[in-house]
Amino acid sequence: MSDEAEGEMTLSLPKTVEPSKTGDVKAVFFDMDGTLVHFDATGVERSVKALRELGLYFSEEKVADAYRFAEEWASSQIKTYLDRRREVFLEYNRLLLEHLGIHNRLNELAEEIQRRWENLPDELYPEVEEVLLRLKQRNLRLGIVSHRGLILIENSLRRHGIREFFSCVASPTEAEAPLGKLDPNLWHYAVQRIGVKKEEAVHIGDEPETDVAGARQAGLTPILVDRSNMYQGINCLRTTDLTQLLELI
């Protein structure tokens, strides 16, 4: 599968520019998973699908057992976000295959599985395209701050035809931020790349422990997107979908 899915839809950026509703905010950062995109399948279900695409048919129960085995190994190897290297995930794939009893063409199959994971079939939330267009019309700079690896971020944005909206994409590896969103290095890297002061940026994400806490500690304004209305007690700006950002920013 190529980096860009067949039939990718391309959006045109607006030719007219509206002023921002507030002169204080110049940049808006977005989280990926649970904020811009979501998955309809579990990790086990995605593993079953990837294996079947390679002509390897196993029951979901057997794949679930191999998946747990590989996850336990990964938890012993991945201590920080900087440990999430492609080589580690290739080894993860080999271990999963071996646990399923596959011992031939391990490197080739592990690579094919990894290519599929790097082109995860995530779904864009329905309001995202319109919100990005509206924010861009206000001359706001848009960026991504995500714990995903850079390849996965870029592939997803291109697949959905929204890469052109973002002038900055920040992940822990490029920022050398082992603690991810709880590491000041990630936010310092992001605001420097997008060209604003931290006080001029907001970050929208769905996780209070990382998105809200990390952005706040770094001096950015956090906004929690709470699609299931689970966090009514959180002391920060909160929305139930991204459309409401247009009234907050």
Protein backbone atom coordinates (compact mmCIF):
# COMPACT_ATOMS: atom_id res chain seq x y z
CA MET A 1 0.00 0.00 0.00
CA SER A 2 1.35 3.45 -0.85
CA ASP A 3 1.62 6.35 1.58
CA GLU A 4 -1.39 7.94 -0.07
CA ALA A 5 -4.50 5.80 -0.40
CA GLU A 6 -6.15 5.53 -3.78
CA GLY A 7 -8.87 8.06 -4.38
CA GLU A 8 -7.55 10.51 -1.76
CA MET A 9 -9.70 13.61 -1.60
CA THR A 10 -7.82 16.91 -1.80
CA LEU A 11 -9.22 20.05 -0.19
CA SER A 12 -8.43 23.54 -1.44
CA LEU A 13 -7.36 26.06 1.15
CA PRO A 14 -9.57 29.15 1.37
CA LYS A 15 -8.55 32.13 -0.74
CA THR A 16 -10.12 34.64 1.61
CA VAL A 17 -8.87 35.16 5.13
CA GLU A 18 -11.01 36.20 8.08
CA PRO A 19 -9.40 37.75 11.18
CA SER A 20 -9.05 35.57 14.26
CA LYS A 21 -11.75 36.05 16.88
CA THR A 22 -9.01 36.71 19.38
CA GLY A 23 -5.70 38.43 18.85
CA ASP A 24 -4.08 36.32 21.55
CA VAL A 25 -4.24 32.95 19.78
CA LYS A 26 -2.04 32.57 16.72
CA ALA A 27 -1.60 28.77 16.57
CA VAL A 28 -3.81 25.76 17.18
CA PHE A 29 -2.32 22.31 17.79
CA PHE A 30 -4.35 19.11 17.47
CA ASP A 31 -3.87 15.64 18.87
CA MET A 32 -4.56 12.79 16.41
CA ASP A 33 -6.30 9.73 17.90
CA GLY A 34 -9.62 10.54 19.53
CA THR A 35 -9.38 14.15 18.35
CA LEU A 36 -9.06 14.23 14.56
CA VAL A 37 -9.40 10.51 13.83
CA HIS A 38 -10.68 7.31 15.40
CA PHE A 39 -10.49 3.56 14.87
CA ASP A 40 -13.47 1.27 14.40
CA ALA A 41 -11.44 -1.91 15.03
CA THR A 42 -9.39 -3.14 18.00
CA GLY A 43 -5.69 -3.99 17.77
CA VAL A 44 -6.53 -7.70 17.60
CA GLU A 45 -9.09 -7.15 14.84
CA ARG A 46 -6.58 -5.12 12.85
CA SER A 47 -3.99 -7.86 13.33
CA VAL A 48 -6.42 -10.51 12.07
CA LYS A 49 -7.14 -8.38 9.00
CA ALA A 50 -3.44 -7.77 8.26
CA LEU A 51 -2.66 -11.48 8.53
CA ARG A 52 -5.55 -12.46 6.26
CA GLU A 53 -4.41 -9.95 3.66
CA LEU A 54 -1.12 -11.89 3.64
CA GLY A 55 -2.95 -15.21 3.23
CA LEU A 56 -2.50 -16.22 6.88
CA TYR A 57 -5.76 -17.38 8.45
CA PHE A 58 -6.04 -17.82 12.21
CA SER A 59 -8.93 -17.59 14.63
CA GLU A 60 -9.39 -14.32 16.47
CA GLU A 61 -8.78 -16.18 19.73
CA LYS A 62 -5.40 -17.46 18.55
CA VAL A 63 -4.37 -14.05 17.22
CA ALA A 64 -5.48 -12.47 20.52
CA ASP A 65 -3.15 -14.81 22.40
CA ALA A 66 -0.22 -13.94 20.11
CA TYR A 67 -1.10 -10.25 20.37
CA ARG A 68 -0.99 -10.38 24.19
CA PHE A 69 2.37 -12.15 24.03
CA ALA A 70 3.81 -9.47 21.72
CA GLU A 71 2.32 -6.66 23.83
CA GLU A 72 3.94 -8.05 26.98
CA TRP A 73 7.29 -8.15 25.18
CA ALA A 74 6.80 -4.59 23.92
CA SER A 75 6.03 -3.29 27.42
CA SER A 76 9.39 -4.65 28.57
CA GLN A 77 11.23 -3.00 25.67
CA ILE A 78 9.45 0.33 25.30
CA LYS A 79 10.04 2.47 28.37
CA THR A 80 9.87 5.91 26.75
CA TYR A 81 8.48 7.31 23.53
CA LEU A 82 11.99 7.38 22.09
CA ASP A 83 12.05 3.57 22.28
CA ARG A 84 9.20 3.33 19.78
CA ARG A 85 11.53 2.76 16.84
CA ARG A 86 10.53 0.99 13.65
CA GLU A 87 13.06 -1.76 14.39
CA VAL A 88 11.28 -2.51 17.66
CA PHE A 89 7.93 -2.88 15.91
CA LEU A 90 9.45 -5.17 13.28
CA GLU A 91 10.70 -7.41 16.09
CA TYR A 92 7.21 -7.21 17.65
CA ASN A 93 5.74 -8.47 14.37
CA ARG A 94 8.25 -11.32 14.17
CA LEU A 95 7.41 -12.42 17.70
CA LEU A 96 3.69 -12.35 16.96
CA LEU A 97 4.23 -14.48 13.85
CA GLU A 98 6.45 -16.98 15.69
CA HIS A 99 3.85 -17.29 18.44
CA LEU A 100 1.37 -18.25 15.73
CA GLY A 101 3.74 -20.98 14.58
CA ILE A 102 5.11 -19.18 11.51
CA HIS A 103 8.87 -19.53 11.04
CA ASN A 104 9.42 -19.03 7.30
CA ARG A 105 9.83 -15.62 5.60
CA LEU A 106 9.68 -13.92 9.00
CA ASN A 107 11.48 -10.75 7.97
CA GLU A 108 9.42 -10.34 4.81
CA LEU A 109 6.11 -10.93 6.60
CA ALA A 110 7.08 -8.67 9.51
CA GLU A 111 7.83 -5.88 7.02
CA GLU A 112 4.50 -6.38 5.23
CA ILE A 113 2.60 -6.24 8.53
CA GLN A 114 4.46 -3.08 9.51
CA ARG A 115 3.57 -1.40 6.23
CA ARG A 116 -0.07 -2.09 7.00
CA TRP A 117 0.25 -0.68 10.53
CA GLU A 118 1.86 2.43 9.03
CA ASN A 119 -1.23 2.87 6.86
CA LEU A 120 -3.80 2.27 9.59
CA PRO A 121 -7.39 2.56 8.34
CA ASP A 122 -8.45 5.30 10.75
CA GLU A 123 -11.58 7.37 10.20
CA LEU A 124 -11.80 11.14 10.19
CA TYR A 125 -14.41 12.65 12.48
CA PRO A 126 -17.13 14.22 10.29
CA GLU A 127 -16.66 17.83 11.38
CA VAL A 128 -12.87 17.97 10.98
CA GLU A 129 -12.58 19.26 7.40
CA GLU A 130 -15.01 22.13 7.93
CA VAL A 131 -13.40 23.16 11.23
CA LEU A 132 -9.91 23.19 9.70
CA LEU A 133 -11.15 25.33 6.82
CA ARG A 134 -12.82 27.79 9.17
CA LEU A 135 -9.74 28.07 11.41
CA LYS A 136 -7.53 28.59 8.39
CA GLN A 137 -9.84 31.36 7.24
CA ARG A 138 -9.00 33.16 10.48
CA ASN A 139 -5.33 33.11 9.54
CA LEU A 140 -4.47 30.73 12.39
CA ARG A 141 -1.45 28.45 12.10
CA LEU A 142 -2.37 24.79 12.56
CA GLY A 143 -0.15 21.98 13.83
CA ILE A 144 -0.18 18.41 15.10
CA VAL A 145 1.22 17.25 18.44
CA SER A 146 0.79 13.49 18.72
CA HIS A 147 2.35 10.43 20.32
CA ARG A 148 2.08 8.63 16.98
CA GLY A 149 5.25 8.13 15.01
CA LEU A 150 5.87 10.63 12.23
CA ILE A 151 5.22 8.10 9.45
CA LEU A 152 1.81 7.20 10.90
CA ILE A 153 0.86 10.86 11.33
CA GLU A 154 1.89 11.84 7.81
CA ASN A 155 0.23 8.83 6.18
CA SER A 156 -3.05 9.47 7.97
CA LEU A 157 -3.13 13.20 7.14
CA ARG A 158 -2.37 12.53 3.48
CA ARG A 159 -4.90 9.70 3.26
CA HIS A 160 -7.62 12.05 4.46
CA GLY A 161 -6.47 14.91 2.23
CA ILE A 162 -5.81 17.34 5.10
CA ARG A 163 -1.99 17.45 5.24
CA GLU A 164 -1.89 20.89 3.59
CA PHE A 165 -3.65 22.50 6.55
CA PHE A 166 -0.76 21.83 8.96
CA SER A 167 2.48 23.79 8.96
CA CYS A 168 3.97 21.78 11.84
CA VAL A 169 3.87 18.09 12.80
CA ALA A 170 5.50 17.21 16.13
CA SER A 171 6.06 13.77 17.65
CA PRO A 172 8.33 12.71 20.54
CA THR A 173 11.05 11.24 18.33
CA GLU A 174 11.74 14.38 16.30
CA ALA A 175 11.54 16.55 19.43
CA GLU A 176 13.74 14.18 21.47
CA ALA A 177 11.02 14.12 24.13
CA PRO A 178 11.14 10.75 25.93
CA LEU A 179 8.09 11.58 28.08
CA GLY A 180 5.95 12.62 25.15
CA LYS A 181 3.35 15.28 25.94
CA LEU A 182 4.54 15.39 29.54
CA ASP A 183 7.98 16.44 28.29
CA PRO A 184 8.56 20.21 27.80
CA ASN A 185 10.86 19.43 24.86
CA LEU A 186 7.90 18.32 22.74
CA TRP A 187 6.02 21.58 23.20
CA HIS A 188 9.14 23.72 22.83
CA TYR A 189 9.85 21.97 19.54
CA ALA A 190 6.26 22.45 18.36
CA VAL A 191 5.96 26.18 19.10
CA GLN A 192 9.40 26.86 17.63
CA ARG A 193 8.53 25.00 14.44
CA ILE A 194 5.21 26.78 14.02
CA GLY A 195 6.72 30.16 14.89
CA VAL A 196 4.71 31.45 17.86
CA LYS A 197 5.17 31.97 21.59
CA LYS A 198 3.71 29.34 23.90
CA GLU A 199 1.22 31.89 25.25
CA GLU A 200 -0.12 32.32 21.72
CA ALA A 201 -0.96 28.63 21.20
CA VAL A 202 -3.75 26.28 22.24
CA HIS A 203 -3.77 22.49 22.10
CA ILE A 204 -6.85 20.34 21.54
CA GLY A 205 -6.80 16.71 22.68
CA ASP A 206 -8.96 14.02 24.26
CA GLU A 207 -6.75 12.84 27.14
CA PRO A 208 -6.75 14.87 30.40
CA GLU A 209 -3.61 13.15 31.72
CA THR A 210 -1.48 13.94 28.67
CA ASP A 211 -3.12 16.51 26.39
CA VAL A 212 -4.44 18.80 29.11
CA ALA A 213 -1.70 18.30 31.71
CA GLY A 214 1.16 18.42 29.20
CA ALA A 215 -0.01 21.52 27.36
CA ARG A 216 -0.81 23.35 30.59
CA GLN A 217 2.57 22.55 32.18
CA ALA A 218 4.29 23.83 29.04
CA GLY A 219 2.40 27.13 29.10
CA LEU A 220 -0.09 26.49 26.28
CA THR A 221 -3.86 26.74 26.74
CA PRO A 222 -5.41 23.24 26.74
CA ILE A 223 -8.84 22.44 25.32
CA LEU A 224 -10.30 19.02 26.06
CA VAL A 225 -12.46 17.40 23.38
CA ASP A 226 -14.76 15.13 25.38
CA ARG A 227 -16.85 13.35 22.76
CA SER A 228 -18.45 10.94 25.27
CA ASN A 229 -19.05 13.65 27.89
CA MET A 230 -16.95 11.76 30.44
CA TYR A 231 -14.90 14.55 32.00
CA GLN A 232 -17.32 17.23 33.15
CA GLY A 233 -15.22 17.92 36.26
CA ILE A 234 -12.04 18.77 34.35
CA ASN A 235 -10.88 22.32 35.05
CA CYS A 236 -10.20 23.53 31.52
CA LEU A 237 -11.99 24.58 28.35
CA ARG A 238 -14.01 21.59 27.12
CA THR A 239 -15.92 20.70 23.96
CA THR A 240 -17.90 17.65 22.90
CA ASP A 241 -16.87 18.02 19.24
CA LEU A 242 -14.48 20.21 17.28
CA THR A 243 -17.19 22.46 15.88
CA GLN A 244 -17.42 24.17 19.27
CA LEU A 245 -13.79 25.31 18.87
CA LEU A 246 -15.06 27.99 16.51
CA GLU A 247 -16.76 29.68 19.47
CA LEU A 248 -13.80 29.26 21.83
CA ILE A 249 -10.92 30.42 19.64
